[in-house]
N, C-alpha and C. Protein backbone atom coordinates (compact mmCIF):
# COMPACT_ATOMS: atom_id res chain seq x y z
N MET A 1 -44.81 -42.85 -17.35
CA MET A 1 -44.88 -43.03 -15.91
C MET A 1 -43.46 -43.06 -15.36
N PRO A 2 -43.15 -42.25 -14.35
CA PRO A 2 -41.82 -42.26 -13.75
C PRO A 2 -41.48 -43.65 -13.19
N ALA A 3 -40.21 -43.97 -13.15
CA ALA A 3 -39.75 -45.32 -12.79
C ALA A 3 -40.23 -45.80 -11.43
N HIS A 4 -40.36 -44.93 -10.44
CA HIS A 4 -40.75 -45.39 -9.11
C HIS A 4 -42.04 -44.76 -8.63
N GLU A 5 -42.93 -44.46 -9.55
CA GLU A 5 -44.20 -43.85 -9.22
C GLU A 5 -45.05 -44.74 -8.30
N LEU A 6 -44.88 -46.04 -8.36
CA LEU A 6 -45.69 -46.97 -7.57
C LEU A 6 -44.97 -47.46 -6.32
N SER A 7 -43.87 -46.83 -5.97
CA SER A 7 -43.11 -47.22 -4.79
C SER A 7 -44.01 -47.18 -3.55
N GLY A 8 -43.93 -48.22 -2.73
CA GLY A 8 -44.73 -48.30 -1.51
C GLY A 8 -46.09 -48.93 -1.71
N THR A 9 -46.39 -49.36 -2.93
CA THR A 9 -47.67 -50.00 -3.20
C THR A 9 -47.49 -51.49 -3.40
N THR A 10 -48.56 -52.24 -3.25
CA THR A 10 -48.55 -53.68 -3.52
C THR A 10 -49.63 -53.97 -4.54
N ALA A 11 -49.26 -54.73 -5.57
CA ALA A 11 -50.20 -55.09 -6.62
C ALA A 11 -50.38 -56.61 -6.64
N LEU A 12 -51.61 -57.06 -6.71
CA LEU A 12 -51.92 -58.48 -6.83
C LEU A 12 -52.22 -58.76 -8.29
N VAL A 13 -51.42 -59.63 -8.91
CA VAL A 13 -51.58 -59.92 -10.33
C VAL A 13 -51.93 -61.39 -10.48
N THR A 14 -53.12 -61.66 -11.02
CA THR A 14 -53.51 -63.04 -11.29
C THR A 14 -53.03 -63.42 -12.68
N GLY A 15 -52.74 -64.69 -12.87
CA GLY A 15 -52.22 -65.14 -14.15
C GLY A 15 -50.81 -64.64 -14.41
N ALA A 16 -50.04 -64.46 -13.34
CA ALA A 16 -48.72 -63.82 -13.44
C ALA A 16 -47.64 -64.71 -14.05
N SER A 17 -47.92 -65.97 -14.28
CA SER A 17 -46.86 -66.86 -14.74
C SER A 17 -46.57 -66.74 -16.23
N ARG A 18 -47.50 -66.17 -17.01
CA ARG A 18 -47.24 -66.05 -18.46
C ARG A 18 -48.16 -65.02 -19.10
N GLY A 19 -47.87 -64.70 -20.32
CA GLY A 19 -48.72 -63.83 -21.12
C GLY A 19 -48.88 -62.43 -20.55
N PHE A 20 -50.12 -61.92 -20.65
CA PHE A 20 -50.41 -60.56 -20.19
C PHE A 20 -50.13 -60.40 -18.70
N GLY A 21 -50.49 -61.40 -17.89
CA GLY A 21 -50.26 -61.31 -16.45
C GLY A 21 -48.79 -61.14 -16.11
N ARG A 22 -47.95 -61.90 -16.78
CA ARG A 22 -46.51 -61.78 -16.55
C ARG A 22 -45.99 -60.40 -16.97
N ALA A 23 -46.44 -59.94 -18.12
CA ALA A 23 -46.02 -58.62 -18.60
C ALA A 23 -46.47 -57.51 -17.65
N ILE A 24 -47.66 -57.63 -17.13
CA ILE A 24 -48.17 -56.64 -16.18
C ILE A 24 -47.35 -56.68 -14.90
N ALA A 25 -47.04 -57.89 -14.41
CA ALA A 25 -46.23 -58.03 -13.19
C ALA A 25 -44.86 -57.38 -13.37
N VAL A 26 -44.23 -57.61 -14.51
CA VAL A 26 -42.91 -57.03 -14.78
C VAL A 26 -43.00 -55.51 -14.84
N ALA A 27 -44.01 -54.99 -15.53
CA ALA A 27 -44.16 -53.54 -15.66
C ALA A 27 -44.42 -52.88 -14.30
N LEU A 28 -45.29 -53.48 -13.49
CA LEU A 28 -45.58 -52.92 -12.17
C LEU A 28 -44.32 -52.91 -11.30
N SER A 29 -43.57 -54.00 -11.35
CA SER A 29 -42.33 -54.08 -10.58
C SER A 29 -41.33 -53.02 -11.04
N LYS A 30 -41.23 -52.85 -12.34
CA LYS A 30 -40.31 -51.87 -12.91
C LYS A 30 -40.65 -50.45 -12.45
N HIS A 31 -41.93 -50.21 -12.16
CA HIS A 31 -42.37 -48.89 -11.73
C HIS A 31 -42.45 -48.76 -10.21
N GLY A 32 -41.87 -49.74 -9.50
CA GLY A 32 -41.70 -49.60 -8.06
C GLY A 32 -42.66 -50.34 -7.17
N ALA A 33 -43.66 -51.01 -7.72
CA ALA A 33 -44.63 -51.74 -6.89
C ALA A 33 -44.05 -53.06 -6.42
N HIS A 34 -44.47 -53.49 -5.24
CA HIS A 34 -44.21 -54.87 -4.83
C HIS A 34 -45.33 -55.69 -5.44
N VAL A 35 -45.00 -56.74 -6.16
CA VAL A 35 -45.98 -57.52 -6.89
C VAL A 35 -46.18 -58.87 -6.22
N VAL A 36 -47.43 -59.22 -6.00
CA VAL A 36 -47.80 -60.56 -5.53
C VAL A 36 -48.40 -61.24 -6.75
N GLY A 37 -47.71 -62.27 -7.23
CA GLY A 37 -48.16 -62.98 -8.42
C GLY A 37 -48.86 -64.27 -8.05
N VAL A 38 -50.02 -64.48 -8.63
CA VAL A 38 -50.80 -65.70 -8.40
C VAL A 38 -50.99 -66.40 -9.73
N ALA A 39 -50.74 -67.70 -9.74
CA ALA A 39 -50.95 -68.51 -10.94
C ALA A 39 -50.97 -69.97 -10.55
N ARG A 40 -51.36 -70.81 -11.48
CA ARG A 40 -51.42 -72.24 -11.20
C ARG A 40 -50.09 -72.96 -11.35
N ASP A 41 -49.15 -72.36 -12.06
CA ASP A 41 -47.87 -73.03 -12.34
C ASP A 41 -46.77 -72.48 -11.44
N PRO A 42 -46.48 -73.19 -10.32
CA PRO A 42 -45.48 -72.68 -9.38
C PRO A 42 -44.08 -72.54 -9.98
N SER A 43 -43.72 -73.39 -10.93
CA SER A 43 -42.37 -73.30 -11.50
C SER A 43 -42.22 -72.03 -12.34
N ARG A 44 -43.24 -71.65 -13.07
CA ARG A 44 -43.18 -70.39 -13.84
C ARG A 44 -43.16 -69.19 -12.92
N LEU A 45 -43.90 -69.28 -11.80
CA LEU A 45 -43.87 -68.19 -10.82
C LEU A 45 -42.48 -68.07 -10.21
N GLU A 46 -41.84 -69.20 -9.98
CA GLU A 46 -40.48 -69.16 -9.42
C GLU A 46 -39.51 -68.52 -10.41
N ASP A 47 -39.70 -68.80 -11.69
CA ASP A 47 -38.87 -68.14 -12.73
C ASP A 47 -39.06 -66.63 -12.69
N LEU A 48 -40.29 -66.20 -12.53
CA LEU A 48 -40.57 -64.76 -12.46
C LEU A 48 -39.97 -64.16 -11.19
N ARG A 49 -40.04 -64.89 -10.08
CA ARG A 49 -39.43 -64.42 -8.83
C ARG A 49 -37.93 -64.24 -9.01
N ALA A 50 -37.30 -65.19 -9.71
CA ALA A 50 -35.86 -65.08 -9.97
C ALA A 50 -35.56 -63.84 -10.81
N GLN A 51 -36.44 -63.51 -11.74
CA GLN A 51 -36.24 -62.33 -12.59
C GLN A 51 -36.46 -61.03 -11.82
N LEU A 52 -37.50 -60.98 -10.98
CA LEU A 52 -37.86 -59.73 -10.32
C LEU A 52 -37.25 -59.57 -8.93
N GLY A 53 -36.78 -60.63 -8.34
CA GLY A 53 -36.12 -60.55 -7.04
C GLY A 53 -37.06 -60.20 -5.90
N SER A 54 -36.59 -59.34 -5.01
CA SER A 54 -37.33 -59.04 -3.78
C SER A 54 -38.58 -58.21 -4.02
N THR A 55 -38.81 -57.74 -5.23
CA THR A 55 -40.02 -56.98 -5.51
C THR A 55 -41.20 -57.90 -5.85
N PHE A 56 -40.98 -59.22 -5.76
CA PHE A 56 -42.01 -60.17 -6.17
C PHE A 56 -42.21 -61.25 -5.12
N THR A 57 -43.47 -61.54 -4.84
CA THR A 57 -43.85 -62.65 -3.97
C THR A 57 -44.74 -63.57 -4.78
N ARG A 58 -44.42 -64.85 -4.79
CA ARG A 58 -45.24 -65.78 -5.58
C ARG A 58 -46.23 -66.50 -4.68
N ARG A 59 -47.41 -66.75 -5.22
CA ARG A 59 -48.44 -67.52 -4.55
C ARG A 59 -49.09 -68.42 -5.57
N SER A 60 -49.03 -69.71 -5.32
CA SER A 60 -49.71 -70.66 -6.19
C SER A 60 -51.20 -70.60 -5.89
N SER A 61 -52.02 -70.75 -6.90
CA SER A 61 -53.46 -70.64 -6.70
C SER A 61 -54.07 -71.94 -6.20
N CYS A 62 -53.25 -72.89 -5.79
CA CYS A 62 -53.74 -74.13 -5.19
C CYS A 62 -54.68 -74.88 -6.12
N GLY A 63 -54.24 -75.09 -7.33
CA GLY A 63 -55.04 -75.86 -8.27
C GLY A 63 -56.30 -75.16 -8.73
N GLY A 64 -56.31 -73.86 -8.77
CA GLY A 64 -57.45 -73.13 -9.26
C GLY A 64 -58.39 -72.63 -8.18
N ARG A 65 -58.18 -73.01 -6.93
CA ARG A 65 -59.03 -72.52 -5.84
C ARG A 65 -58.58 -71.13 -5.44
N ALA A 66 -59.49 -70.34 -4.97
CA ALA A 66 -59.18 -68.97 -4.55
C ALA A 66 -58.30 -68.99 -3.30
N MET A 67 -57.49 -67.96 -3.14
CA MET A 67 -56.64 -67.84 -1.96
C MET A 67 -57.51 -67.49 -0.75
N SER A 68 -57.22 -68.09 0.37
CA SER A 68 -57.99 -67.84 1.60
C SER A 68 -57.64 -66.47 2.19
N LYS A 69 -58.48 -66.00 3.10
CA LYS A 69 -58.19 -64.74 3.79
C LYS A 69 -56.88 -64.84 4.55
N THR A 70 -56.58 -66.02 5.10
CA THR A 70 -55.32 -66.22 5.81
C THR A 70 -54.14 -66.04 4.85
N GLY A 71 -54.25 -66.60 3.66
CA GLY A 71 -53.18 -66.46 2.67
C GLY A 71 -52.97 -65.03 2.26
N ILE A 72 -54.04 -64.27 2.11
CA ILE A 72 -53.92 -62.86 1.76
C ILE A 72 -53.27 -62.10 2.90
N ALA A 73 -53.65 -62.41 4.14
CA ALA A 73 -53.04 -61.75 5.30
C ALA A 73 -51.55 -62.03 5.35
N GLU A 74 -51.13 -63.26 5.01
CA GLU A 74 -49.71 -63.61 5.01
C GLU A 74 -48.96 -62.76 3.99
N VAL A 75 -49.54 -62.54 2.84
CA VAL A 75 -48.91 -61.71 1.81
C VAL A 75 -48.74 -60.29 2.30
N LYS A 76 -49.76 -59.75 2.96
CA LYS A 76 -49.68 -58.37 3.46
C LYS A 76 -48.59 -58.21 4.50
N ARG A 77 -48.29 -59.25 5.25
CA ARG A 77 -47.26 -59.15 6.30
C ARG A 77 -45.85 -59.20 5.75
N GLN A 78 -45.69 -59.69 4.53
CA GLN A 78 -44.36 -59.82 3.96
C GLN A 78 -43.83 -58.46 3.54
N PRO A 79 -42.50 -58.27 3.65
CA PRO A 79 -41.91 -56.99 3.24
C PRO A 79 -42.01 -56.77 1.75
């Protein structure tokens, strides 16, 4: 896959703080996608944000509850 094949896209990755979710978030970012990472551990998400920079937006899952429509709309508005 070319390095920026996903440029201009946004990917929502659940479980992004570790394991497969984190690896998927890193790979998607590397290929040009803006990644929205959702997980229960905000500190691990912050570590991933530090690694990926402006291509990553973190969202805590609020203790396991699903993100509201308002929260999803907020993510869509972010650059």
